[in-house]
Amino acid sequence: MTLVELMMTVAITGVIVAFMGTAIWQMSSVTAYGNDRLTALHELQNAARWFNLDGQRATAASAGPGTLTLTGTPSVTYALTGTELRRTAGAQPLVVAHNISSVSFTVNGRVVTMSLTSAPEGQYGVSETGTYLVNLRPAEAD
């Protein structure tokens, strides 16, 4: 074996190791990005589920912190506390979503709109936004 052959073998091995290292790093970073994105989407979907359930039972709404007035039960209020979206029905608070960076409610006639942004902490700065509309139940005749 000559010195030239040995140098060629080391060079080829170096190229192969570099490609393999890049591929492994790429697989791990894509997985982490995907996990952050799925976490953000999951939080939005969970908040939308609760909002939809309460909104379809509500007869009135106010936009401030997001209050829905339900028939036969106390009002339900949605409010952002830190990065948690909390649903309070009576005296029972429930965290319906984590990693929420902003929330807003608007009421337009019988349609209530909730806009959320979820931004889980991670190295890729993933942020997902969702807008959800719900039609209120018709008010019962007195």
Foldseek 3Di string as FASTA:
>chain_A
DDPVVVVVVVVVVVVVVVVVVVVVVVVVVVVQVVVQQVLFVVQVVQVLVVCQVQQAQFADWDWDQTWGCGPPFAIWGWHQDPQFTWIDTPNDIDGRGGQWPDWTWDDDPQKIKIKTKGFDDDPPRDIDIDIHIYGHDHDDDD
